Each structure stands twice: as C-alpha cells, then as structure tokens.
Amino acid sequence: MKVFEKTFPQGVGPSSNWRLFVEYLTRAGEVMPEGGVPFTAILTISDPDAEGAVFNDMRQSLQAIGTQIADIRTAARITPRI
C-alpha cells in the first residue's frame, strides 16, 4: 500500500483534465500477465477551502470517462455485553 498526499490550490498544467498513471514493477522471475494486474485506487478529492461541492462533480466526471466507482462500505457487528 502506498499513501501520497498533495494539494493543488491552482491546479497543475494548462488543462482541467487530469490523469492517474499506475505502473507495475516486475520483480525478478515474474512475468507481466497479458490481462494486466487488477488494482484499486482510493482517492480523496476535496476543495482545500471547503467551499466547493467537488464530490458530485468529480464523481460525474469520472463516471463519464468510464471509471468504475464504488462506495466503501464498512461492516460493524454489535455484540451486546451482559
């Protein structure tokens, strides 16, 4: 697992289109599978000033380009103590 954090208050570059590049590092004796390697990226995208409602905008933009999006759900079991 890798964790990175970066704030882009003015964005980066001349375009509003952004990309996430993921590269696979082959270890000694390993062969890259033809179908690729499945992975999950968990992103937190927010307005640094907490003024803009960026969640729905980002979700719609990502879905428009075919990104598979799923909510993270947690399961909590409540055990009563007597």
PDB file of N, CA and C in Angstrom:
ATOM      1  N   MET A   1       0.841  -1.158   0.000  1.00  0.00           N
ATOM      2  CA  MET A   1       0.000   0.000   0.000  1.00  0.00           C
ATOM      3  C   MET A   1       0.897   1.235   0.000  1.00  0.00           C
ATOM      4  N   LYS A   2       0.529   2.189  -0.803  1.00  0.00           N
ATOM      5  CA  LYS A   2       1.254   3.459  -0.868  1.00  0.00           C
ATOM      6  C   LYS A   2       0.284   4.579  -0.548  1.00  0.00           C
ATOM      7  N   VAL A   3       0.740   5.575   0.169  1.00  0.00           N
ATOM      8  CA  VAL A   3      -0.091   6.724   0.504  1.00  0.00           C
ATOM      9  C   VAL A   3       0.653   7.978   0.080  1.00  0.00           C
ATOM     10  N   PHE A   4      -0.016   8.786  -0.717  1.00  0.00           N
ATOM     11  CA  PHE A   4       0.555  10.046  -1.177  1.00  0.00           C
ATOM     12  C   PHE A   4      -0.446  11.153  -0.892  1.00  0.00           C
ATOM     13  N   GLU A   5       0.059  12.335  -0.628  1.00  0.00           N
ATOM     14  CA  GLU A   5      -0.816  13.482  -0.414  1.00  0.00           C
ATOM     15  C   GLU A   5      -0.218  14.684  -1.119  1.00  0.00           C
ATOM     16  N   LYS A   6      -1.056  15.424  -1.793  1.00  0.00           N
ATOM     17  CA  LYS A   6      -0.599  16.616  -2.498  1.00  0.00           C
ATOM     18  C   LYS A   6      -1.763  17.584  -2.609  1.00  0.00           C
ATOM     19  N   THR A   7      -1.510  18.844  -2.387  1.00  0.00           N
ATOM     20  CA  THR A   7      -2.521  19.885  -2.538  1.00  0.00           C
ATOM     21  C   THR A   7      -2.197  20.691  -3.781  1.00  0.00           C
ATOM     22  N   PHE A   8      -3.187  20.869  -4.637  1.00  0.00           N
ATOM     23  CA  PHE A   8      -3.038  21.636  -5.872  1.00  0.00           C
ATOM     24  C   PHE A   8      -3.998  22.823  -5.828  1.00  0.00           C
ATOM     25  N   PRO A   9      -3.675  23.890  -5.112  1.00  0.00           N
ATOM     26  CA  PRO A   9      -4.627  25.004  -4.971  1.00  0.00           C
ATOM     27  C   PRO A   9      -4.958  25.690  -6.290  1.00  0.00           C
ATOM     28  N   GLN A  10      -4.059  25.706  -7.238  1.00  0.00           N
ATOM     29  CA  GLN A  10      -4.308  26.342  -8.528  1.00  0.00           C
ATOM     30  C   GLN A  10      -4.343  25.317  -9.655  1.00  0.00           C
ATOM     31  N   GLY A  11      -4.333  24.031  -9.314  1.00  0.00           N
ATOM     32  CA  GLY A  11      -4.267  23.004 -10.345  1.00  0.00           C
ATOM     33  C   GLY A  11      -2.833  22.873 -10.839  1.00  0.00           C
ATOM     34  N   VAL A  12      -2.642  21.991 -11.817  1.00  0.00           N
ATOM     35  CA  VAL A  12      -1.320  21.782 -12.392  1.00  0.00           C
ATOM     36  C   VAL A  12      -1.470  21.721 -13.900  1.00  0.00           C
ATOM     37  N   GLY A  13      -0.728  22.529 -14.613  1.00  0.00           N
ATOM     38  CA  GLY A  13      -0.764  22.497 -16.068  1.00  0.00           C
ATOM     39  C   GLY A  13      -1.906  23.314 -16.650  1.00  0.00           C
ATOM     40  N   PRO A  14      -1.944  23.405 -17.981  1.00  0.00           N
ATOM     41  CA  PRO A  14      -2.909  24.257 -18.659  1.00  0.00           C
ATOM     42  C   PRO A  14      -4.283  23.617 -18.853  1.00  0.00           C
ATOM     43  N   SER A  15      -4.438  22.324 -18.556  1.00  0.00           N
ATOM     44  CA  SER A  15      -5.692  21.621 -18.825  1.00  0.00           C
ATOM     45  C   SER A  15      -6.423  21.282 -17.534  1.00  0.00           C
ATOM     46  N   SER A  16      -7.750  21.196 -17.623  1.00  0.00           N
ATOM     47  CA  SER A  16      -8.530  20.764 -16.459  1.00  0.00           C
ATOM     48  C   SER A  16      -8.675  19.247 -16.435  1.00  0.00           C
ATOM     49  N   ASN A  17      -8.173  18.570 -17.463  1.00  0.00           N
ATOM     50  CA  ASN A  17      -8.201  17.109 -17.497  1.00  0.00           C
ATOM     51  C   ASN A  17      -7.001  16.574 -16.726  1.00  0.00           C
ATOM     52  N   TRP A  18      -7.234  15.642 -15.830  1.00  0.00           N
ATOM     53  CA  TRP A  18      -6.133  15.087 -15.058  1.00  0.00           C
ATOM     54  C   TRP A  18      -6.101  13.582 -15.250  1.00  0.00           C
ATOM     55  N   ARG A  19      -4.969  12.980 -14.936  1.00  0.00           N
ATOM     56  CA  ARG A  19      -4.778  11.548 -15.112  1.00  0.00           C
ATOM     57  C   ARG A  19      -4.031  10.968 -13.932  1.00  0.00           C
ATOM     58  N   LEU A  20      -4.322   9.728 -13.666  1.00  0.00           N
ATOM     59  CA  LEU A  20      -3.598   8.967 -12.663  1.00  0.00           C
ATOM     60  C   LEU A  20      -2.907   7.835 -13.407  1.00  0.00           C
ATOM     61  N   PHE A  21      -1.588   7.810 -13.391  1.00  0.00           N
ATOM     62  CA  PHE A  21      -0.826   6.764 -14.052  1.00  0.00           C
ATOM     63  C   PHE A  21      -0.360   5.765 -12.998  1.00  0.00           C
ATOM     64  N   VAL A  22      -0.607   4.499 -13.260  1.00  0.00           N
ATOM     65  CA  VAL A  22      -0.177   3.426 -12.370  1.00  0.00           C
ATOM     66  C   VAL A  22       0.720   2.503 -13.178  1.00  0.00           C
ATOM     67  N   GLU A  23       1.926   2.296 -12.701  1.00  0.00           N
ATOM     68  CA  GLU A  23       2.868   1.416 -13.383  1.00  0.00           C
ATOM     69  C   GLU A  23       3.125   0.188 -12.523  1.00  0.00           C
ATOM     70  N   TYR A  24       3.293  -0.941 -13.173  1.00  0.00           N
ATOM     71  CA  TYR A  24       3.563  -2.194 -12.497  1.00  0.00           C
ATOM     72  C   TYR A  24       5.058  -2.468 -12.533  1.00  0.00           C
ATOM     73  N   LEU A  25       5.641  -2.775 -11.416  1.00  0.00           N
ATOM     74  CA  LEU A  25       7.062  -3.091 -11.321  1.00  0.00           C
ATOM     75  C   LEU A  25       7.212  -4.604 -11.255  1.00  0.00           C
ATOM     76  N   THR A  26       7.840  -5.177 -12.270  1.00  0.00           N
ATOM     77  CA  THR A  26       8.022  -6.623 -12.324  1.00  0.00           C
ATOM     78  C   THR A  26       9.206  -7.024 -11.462  1.00  0.00           C
ATOM     79  N   ARG A  27       8.979  -7.990 -10.605  1.00  0.00           N
ATOM     80  CA  ARG A  27      10.070  -8.490  -9.769  1.00  0.00           C
ATOM     81  C   ARG A  27      10.829  -9.589 -10.507  1.00  0.00           C
ATOM     82  N   ALA A  28      12.001  -9.930 -10.002  1.00  0.00           N
ATOM     83  CA  ALA A  28      12.845 -10.947 -10.646  1.00  0.00           C
ATOM     84  C   ALA A  28      12.077 -12.256 -10.784  1.00  0.00           C
ATOM     85  N   GLY A  29      12.088 -12.811 -12.004  1.00  0.00           N
ATOM     86  CA  GLY A  29      11.440 -14.095 -12.240  1.00  0.00           C
ATOM     87  C   GLY A  29       9.948 -14.001 -12.491  1.00  0.00           C
ATOM     88  N   GLU A  30       9.399 -12.815 -12.460  1.00  0.00           N
ATOM     89  CA  GLU A  30       7.964 -12.619 -12.676  1.00  0.00           C
ATOM     90  C   GLU A  30       7.703 -12.194 -14.102  1.00  0.00           C
ATOM     91  N   VAL A  31       6.559 -12.583 -14.615  1.00  0.00           N
ATOM     92  CA  VAL A  31       6.150 -12.183 -15.950  1.00  0.00           C
ATOM     93  C   VAL A  31       4.856 -11.388 -15.823  1.00  0.00           C
ATOM     94  N   MET A  32       4.781 -10.291 -16.536  1.00  0.00           N
ATOM     95  CA  MET A  32       3.581  -9.451 -16.505  1.00  0.00           C
ATOM     96  C   MET A  32       2.437 -10.209 -17.177  1.00  0.00           C
ATOM     97  N   PRO A  33       1.304 -10.404 -16.486  1.00  0.00           N
ATOM     98  CA  PRO A  33       0.164 -11.087 -17.092  1.00  0.00           C
ATOM     99  C   PRO A  33      -0.369 -10.291 -18.289  1.00  0.00           C
ATOM    100  N   GLU A  34      -0.813 -11.016 -19.347  1.00  0.00           N
ATOM    101  CA  GLU A  34      -1.313 -10.345 -20.541  1.00  0.00           C
ATOM    102  C   GLU A  34      -2.511  -9.459 -20.243  1.00  0.00           C
ATOM    103  N   GLY A  35      -3.363  -9.896 -19.324  1.00  0.00           N
ATOM    104  CA  GLY A  35      -4.572  -9.133 -18.993  1.00  0.00           C
ATOM    105  C   GLY A  35      -4.323  -7.992 -18.025  1.00  0.00           C
ATOM    106  N   GLY A  36      -3.072  -7.793 -17.631  1.00  0.00           N
ATOM    107  CA  GLY A  36      -2.758  -6.745 -16.671  1.00  0.00           C
ATOM    108  C   GLY A  36      -2.927  -7.228 -15.238  1.00  0.00           C
ATOM    109  N   VAL A  37      -2.757  -6.339 -14.307  1.00  0.00           N
ATOM    110  CA  VAL A  37      -2.860  -6.642 -12.887  1.00  0.00           C
ATOM    111  C   VAL A  37      -3.981  -5.791 -12.300  1.00  0.00           C
ATOM    112  N   PRO A  38      -5.014  -6.411 -11.732  1.00  0.00           N
ATOM    113  CA  PRO A  38      -6.091  -5.615 -11.147  1.00  0.00           C
ATOM    114  C   PRO A  38      -5.577  -4.801  -9.952  1.00  0.00           C
ATOM    115  N   PHE A  39      -6.123  -3.619  -9.783  1.00  0.00           N
ATOM    116  CA  PHE A  39      -5.720  -2.788  -8.652  1.00  0.00           C
ATOM    117  C   PHE A  39      -6.894  -1.899  -8.247  1.00  0.00           C
ATOM    118  N   THR A  40      -6.781  -1.323  -7.090  1.00  0.00           N
ATOM    119  CA  THR A  40      -7.772  -0.379  -6.590  1.00  0.00           C
ATOM    120  C   THR A  40      -7.052   0.879  -6.171  1.00  0.00           C
ATOM    121  N   ALA A  41      -7.584   2.020  -6.570  1.00  0.00           N
ATOM    122  CA  ALA A  41      -7.054   3.312  -6.129  1.00  0.00           C
ATOM    123  C   ALA A  41      -8.133   3.983  -5.299  1.00  0.00           C
ATOM    124  N   ILE A  42      -7.771   4.396  -4.112  1.00  0.00           N
ATOM    125  CA  ILE A  42      -8.701   5.105  -3.238  1.00  0.00           C
ATOM    126  C   ILE A  42      -8.258   6.559  -3.218  1.00  0.00           C
ATOM    127  N   LEU A  43      -9.119   7.435  -3.689  1.00  0.00           N
ATOM    128  CA  LEU A  43      -8.795   8.851  -3.793  1.00  0.00           C
ATOM    129  C   LEU A  43      -9.692   9.674  -2.881  1.00  0.00           C
ATOM    130  N   THR A  44      -9.105  10.672  -2.273  1.00  0.00           N
ATOM    131  CA  THR A  44      -9.885  11.675  -1.562  1.00  0.00           C
ATOM    132  C   THR A  44      -9.655  12.979  -2.297  1.00  0.00           C
ATOM    133  N   ILE A  45     -10.717  13.498  -2.877  1.00  0.00           N
ATOM    134  CA  ILE A  45     -10.627  14.734  -3.644  1.00  0.00           C
ATOM    135  C   ILE A  45     -11.528  15.752  -2.957  1.00  0.00           C
ATOM    136  N   SER A  46     -10.935  16.861  -2.552  1.00  0.00           N
ATOM    137  CA  SER A  46     -11.717  17.854  -1.816  1.00  0.00           C
ATOM    138  C   SER A  46     -11.242  19.255  -2.158  1.00  0.00           C
ATOM    139  N   ASP A  47     -12.075  20.209  -1.831  1.00  0.00           N
ATOM    140  CA  ASP A  47     -11.740  21.615  -2.004  1.00  0.00           C
ATOM    141  C   ASP A  47     -10.913  22.048  -0.797  1.00  0.00           C
ATOM    142  N   PRO A  48      -9.672  22.514  -1.000  1.00  0.00           N
ATOM    143  CA  PRO A  48      -8.838  22.912   0.140  1.00  0.00           C
ATOM    144  C   PRO A  48      -9.479  23.997   1.007  1.00  0.00           C
ATOM    145  N   ASP A  49     -10.344  24.820   0.415  1.00  0.00           N
ATOM    146  CA  ASP A  49     -11.007  25.873   1.182  1.00  0.00           C
ATOM    147  C   ASP A  49     -12.355  25.438   1.745  1.00  0.00           C
ATOM    148  N   ALA A  50     -12.751  24.198   1.467  1.00  0.00           N
ATOM    149  CA  ALA A  50     -14.028  23.641   1.933  1.00  0.00           C
ATOM    150  C   ALA A  50     -15.217  24.507   1.519  1.00  0.00           C
ATOM    151  N   GLU A  51     -15.116  25.115   0.338  1.00  0.00           N
ATOM    152  CA  GLU A  51     -16.208  25.960  -0.146  1.00  0.00           C
ATOM    153  C   GLU A  51     -16.965  25.303  -1.301  1.00  0.00           C
ATOM    154  N   GLY A  52     -16.265  24.552  -2.133  1.00  0.00           N
ATOM    155  CA  GLY A  52     -16.886  23.957  -3.314  1.00  0.00           C
ATOM    156  C   GLY A  52     -17.402  22.564  -3.039  1.00  0.00           C
ATOM    157  N   ALA A  53     -18.481  22.201  -3.710  1.00  0.00           N
ATOM    158  CA  ALA A  53     -19.034  20.847  -3.595  1.00  0.00           C
ATOM    159  C   ALA A  53     -18.424  20.003  -4.706  1.00  0.00           C
ATOM    160  N   VAL A  54     -17.224  19.531  -4.506  1.00  0.00           N
ATOM    161  CA  VAL A  54     -16.493  18.849  -5.560  1.00  0.00           C
ATOM    162  C   VAL A  54     -16.831  17.372  -5.676  1.00  0.00           C
ATOM    163  N   PHE A  55     -17.415  16.772  -4.653  1.00  0.00           N
ATOM    164  CA  PHE A  55     -17.662  15.327  -4.665  1.00  0.00           C
ATOM    165  C   PHE A  55     -18.509  14.901  -5.856  1.00  0.00           C
ATOM    166  N   ASN A  56     -19.682  15.490  -6.007  1.00  0.00           N
ATOM    167  CA  ASN A  56     -20.571  15.091  -7.102  1.00  0.00           C
ATOM    168  C   ASN A  56     -19.989  15.440  -8.460  1.00  0.00           C
ATOM    169  N   ASP A  57     -19.322  16.577  -8.567  1.00  0.00           N
ATOM    170  CA  ASP A  57     -18.686  16.961  -9.834  1.00  0.00           C
ATOM    171  C   ASP A  57     -17.631  15.931 -10.245  1.00  0.00           C
ATOM    172  N   MET A  58     -16.785  15.537  -9.308  1.00  0.00           N
ATOM    173  CA  MET A  58     -15.731  14.571  -9.599  1.00  0.00           C
ATOM    174  C   MET A  58     -16.323  13.207  -9.925  1.00  0.00           C
ATOM    175  N   ARG A  59     -17.335  12.800  -9.168  1.00  0.00           N
ATOM    176  CA  ARG A  59     -17.974  11.507  -9.403  1.00  0.00           C
ATOM    177  C   ARG A  59     -18.567  11.452 -10.812  1.00  0.00           C
ATOM    178  N   GLN A  60     -19.265  12.501 -11.206  1.00  0.00           N
ATOM    179  CA  GLN A  60     -19.855  12.552 -12.548  1.00  0.00           C
ATOM    180  C   GLN A  60     -18.776  12.555 -13.628  1.00  0.00           C
ATOM    181  N   SER A  61     -17.710  13.316 -13.412  1.00  0.00           N
ATOM    182  CA  SER A  61     -16.621  13.375 -14.395  1.00  0.00           C
ATOM    183  C   SER A  61     -15.951  12.020 -14.559  1.00  0.00           C
ATOM    184  N   LEU A  62     -15.697  11.335 -13.450  1.00  0.00           N
ATOM    185  CA  LEU A  62     -15.055  10.024 -13.514  1.00  0.00           C
ATOM    186  C   LEU A  62     -15.958   8.988 -14.177  1.00  0.00           C
ATOM    187  N   GLN A  63     -17.250   9.023 -13.863  1.00  0.00           N
ATOM    188  CA  GLN A  63     -18.174   8.077 -14.486  1.00  0.00           C
ATOM    189  C   GLN A  63     -18.311   8.351 -15.980  1.00  0.00           C
ATOM    190  N   ALA A  64     -18.235   9.609 -16.383  1.00  0.00           N
ATOM    191  CA  ALA A  64     -18.364   9.969 -17.797  1.00  0.00           C
ATOM    192  C   ALA A  64     -17.233   9.391 -18.647  1.00  0.00           C
ATOM    193  N   ILE A  65     -16.074   9.168 -18.037  1.00  0.00           N
ATOM    194  CA  ILE A  65     -14.948   8.600 -18.796  1.00  0.00           C
ATOM    195  C   ILE A  65     -14.822   7.095 -18.588  1.00  0.00           C
ATOM    196  N   GLY A  66     -15.815   6.491 -17.935  1.00  0.00           N
ATOM    197  CA  GLY A  66     -15.851   5.038 -17.810  1.00  0.00           C
ATOM    198  C   GLY A  66     -15.169   4.457 -16.593  1.00  0.00           C
ATOM    199  N   THR A  67     -14.869   5.269 -15.605  1.00  0.00           N
ATOM    200  CA  THR A  67     -14.232   4.773 -14.390  1.00  0.00           C
ATOM    201  C   THR A  67     -15.250   4.011 -13.556  1.00  0.00           C
ATOM    202  N   GLN A  68     -14.858   2.846 -13.057  1.00  0.00           N
ATOM    203  CA  GLN A  68     -15.736   2.088 -12.175  1.00  0.00           C
ATOM    204  C   GLN A  68     -15.640   2.693 -10.783  1.00  0.00           C
ATOM    205  N   ILE A  69     -16.769   3.096 -10.249  1.00  0.00           N
ATOM    206  CA  ILE A  69     -16.794   3.746  -8.934  1.00  0.00           C
ATOM    207  C   ILE A  69     -17.667   2.927  -7.991  1.00  0.00           C
ATOM    208  N   ALA A  70     -17.187   2.717  -6.780  1.00  0.00           N
ATOM    209  CA  ALA A  70     -17.959   2.009  -5.759  1.00  0.00           C
ATOM    210  C   ALA A  70     -17.710   2.685  -4.421  1.00  0.00           C
ATOM    211  N   ASP A  71     -18.757   2.788  -3.640  1.00  0.00           N
ATOM    212  CA  ASP A  71     -18.627   3.343  -2.299  1.00  0.00           C
ATOM    213  C   ASP A  71     -17.908   2.343  -1.403  1.00  0.00           C
ATOM    214  N   ILE A  72     -17.157   2.839  -0.444  1.00  0.00           N
ATOM    215  CA  ILE A  72     -16.505   1.975   0.531  1.00  0.00           C
ATOM    216  C   ILE A  72     -17.499   1.762   1.657  1.00  0.00           C
ATOM    217  N   ARG A  73     -17.795   0.513   1.908  1.00  0.00           N
ATOM    218  CA  ARG A  73     -18.760   0.201   2.960  1.00  0.00           C
ATOM    219  C   ARG A  73     -18.045  -0.576   4.063  1.00  0.00           C
ATOM    220  N   THR A  74     -18.403  -0.271   5.267  1.00  0.00           N
ATOM    221  CA  THR A  74     -17.816  -0.987   6.390  1.00  0.00           C
ATOM    222  C   THR A  74     -18.886  -1.836   7.049  1.00  0.00           C
ATOM    223  N   ALA A  75     -18.477  -2.931   7.592  1.00  0.00           N
ATOM    224  CA  ALA A  75     -19.398  -3.806   8.301  1.00  0.00           C
ATOM    225  C   ALA A  75     -19.025  -3.779   9.776  1.00  0.00           C
ATOM    226  N   ALA A  76     -19.971  -3.438  10.596  1.00  0.00           N
ATOM    227  CA  ALA A  76     -19.728  -3.400  12.038  1.00  0.00           C
ATOM    228  C   ALA A  76     -20.705  -4.356  12.717  1.00  0.00           C
ATOM    229  N   ARG A  77     -20.178  -5.226  13.514  1.00  0.00           N
ATOM    230  CA  ARG A  77     -21.024  -6.143  14.271  1.00  0.00           C
ATOM    231  C   ARG A  77     -21.104  -5.646  15.701  1.00  0.00           C
ATOM    232  N   ILE A  78     -22.315  -5.548  16.154  1.00  0.00           N
ATOM    233  CA  ILE A  78     -22.521  -5.101  17.533  1.00  0.00           C
ATOM    234  C   ILE A  78     -22.791  -6.320  18.386  1.00  0.00           C
ATOM    235  N   THR A  79     -21.973  -6.498  19.389  1.00  0.00           N
ATOM    236  CA  THR A  79     -22.120  -7.626  20.295  1.00  0.00           C
ATOM    237  C   THR A  79     -22.549  -7.115  21.660  1.00  0.00           C
ATOM    238  N   PRO A  80     -23.744  -7.480  22.078  1.00  0.00           N
ATOM    239  CA  PRO A  80     -24.195  -6.998  23.396  1.00  0.00           C
ATOM    240  C   PRO A  80     -23.402  -7.664  24.525  1.00  0.00           C
ATOM    241  N   ARG A  81     -23.083  -6.884  25.528  1.00  0.00           N
ATOM    242  CA  ARG A  81     -22.378  -7.414  26.702  1.00  0.00           C
ATOM    243  C   ARG A  81     -23.353  -7.457  27.869  1.00  0.00           C
ATOM    244  N   ILE A  82     -23.336  -8.570  28.524  1.00  0.00           N
ATOM    245  CA  ILE A  82     -24.254  -8.737  29.665  1.00  0.00           C
ATOM    246  C   ILE A  82     -23.471  -8.823  30.952  1.00  0.00           C
TER     247      ILE A  82
END
